[in-house]
């Protein structure tokens, strides 16, 4: 998706004080310039994947208030005929 940031690693199981959480906090601080109101949309390849849900919960626990889980993911996006783009930011 346009302006998407790859972050599948943020869906790892664990606790909200683990290394994954710390790395996600650092990445989101950088991307949002510290604004907890910045819209964040988490998605997977399709609706059967829950990894993006896990990452969204992690973001909420970090205090982000405008978090959306786009359950249909890339599959629904493409079906709707919406534009695709290359990811431009490498996380981790």
Protein backbone atom coordinates (compact mmCIF):
# COMPACT_ATOMS: atom_id res chain seq x y z
CA UNK A 1 0.00 0.00 0.00
CA UNK A 2 1.24 3.54 -0.63
CA UNK A 3 3.39 4.86 2.24
CA UNK A 4 3.27 1.46 3.97
CA UNK A 5 6.06 0.50 6.31
CA UNK A 6 6.91 -3.21 6.52
CA UNK A 7 6.66 -4.34 10.13
CA UNK A 8 5.61 -8.00 10.17
CA UNK A 9 8.17 -8.53 12.93
CA UNK A 10 5.99 -6.36 15.23
CA UNK A 11 3.40 -9.14 15.39
CA UNK A 12 5.64 -11.51 17.33
CA UNK A 13 4.21 -13.09 20.43
CA UNK A 14 5.64 -11.89 23.67
CA UNK A 15 4.96 -9.31 26.33
CA UNK A 16 4.41 -5.59 26.18
CA UNK A 17 7.83 -4.97 27.72
CA UNK A 18 9.89 -7.21 25.43
CA UNK A 19 12.48 -6.27 22.81
CA UNK A 20 9.88 -6.31 20.02
CA UNK A 21 7.80 -3.74 21.91
CA UNK A 22 10.85 -1.55 22.45
CA UNK A 23 11.79 -1.70 18.76
CA UNK A 24 8.22 -0.93 17.70
CA UNK A 25 8.15 2.04 20.07
CA UNK A 26 11.35 3.39 18.54
CA UNK A 27 10.13 2.89 14.97
CA UNK A 28 6.72 4.49 15.62
CA UNK A 29 8.28 7.46 17.45
CA UNK A 30 10.44 8.08 14.39
CA UNK A 31 7.62 7.63 11.86
CA UNK A 32 5.08 9.73 13.77
CA UNK A 33 7.58 12.31 15.02
CA UNK A 34 6.31 11.53 18.50
CA UNK A 35 2.64 12.25 17.82
CA UNK A 36 0.34 9.66 19.43
CA UNK A 37 -2.56 10.94 17.29
CA UNK A 38 -0.97 9.99 13.95
CA UNK A 39 -3.21 7.51 12.10
CA UNK A 40 -1.68 4.02 12.03
CA UNK A 41 -3.18 1.26 9.88
CA UNK A 42 -2.05 -2.34 10.33
CA UNK A 43 -2.77 -4.98 7.70
CA UNK A 44 -1.67 -8.42 6.51
CA UNK A 45 -1.85 -10.19 3.16
CA UNK A 46 -5.47 -11.18 3.70
CA UNK A 47 -8.33 -11.56 6.18
CA UNK A 48 -7.18 -14.92 7.55
CA UNK A 49 -4.01 -13.45 9.05
CA UNK A 50 -4.04 -12.01 12.57
CA UNK A 51 -0.44 -10.79 12.69
CA UNK A 52 -1.49 -7.22 11.93
CA UNK A 53 -4.01 -7.38 14.78
CA UNK A 54 -1.20 -8.31 17.17
CA UNK A 55 0.92 -5.40 15.93
CA UNK A 56 -2.04 -3.01 16.27
CA UNK A 57 -2.54 -4.09 19.89
CA UNK A 58 1.14 -3.44 20.54
CA UNK A 59 0.77 0.09 19.11
CA UNK A 60 -2.28 0.74 21.28
CA UNK A 61 -0.33 -0.37 24.34
CA UNK A 62 2.33 2.17 23.38
CA UNK A 63 -0.29 4.90 23.68
CA UNK A 64 -1.22 5.47 20.05
CA UNK A 65 -4.84 6.60 19.88
CA UNK A 66 -5.63 6.47 16.16
CA UNK A 67 -4.93 2.78 15.41
CA UNK A 68 -6.88 0.84 12.80
CA UNK A 69 -6.74 -2.87 11.98
CA UNK A 70 -7.52 -3.28 8.26
CA UNK A 71 -8.67 -6.88 8.46
CA UNK A 72 -9.13 -7.46 4.72
CA UNK A 73 -5.50 -6.62 4.19
CA UNK A 74 -3.70 -6.49 0.88
CA UNK A 75 -6.20 -8.92 -0.65
CA UNK A 76 -9.18 -6.60 -0.02
CA UNK A 77 -7.16 -3.55 -1.07
CA UNK A 78 -6.35 -5.11 -4.44
CA UNK A 79 -9.93 -6.32 -4.97
CA UNK A 80 -11.10 -2.75 -4.45
CA UNK A 81 -8.77 -1.66 -7.26
CA UNK A 82 -6.77 0.64 -4.99
CA UNK A 83 -3.18 1.64 -5.87
CA UNK A 84 -0.12 -0.33 -4.83
CA UNK A 85 3.39 0.96 -4.26
CA UNK A 86 6.81 -0.36 -3.29
CA UNK A 87 7.65 -0.20 0.39
CA UNK A 88 10.08 2.66 0.91
CA UNK A 89 11.22 2.18 4.47
CA UNK A 90 13.05 -0.84 5.86
CA UNK A 91 12.26 -1.63 9.45
CA UNK A 92 14.65 -3.49 11.68
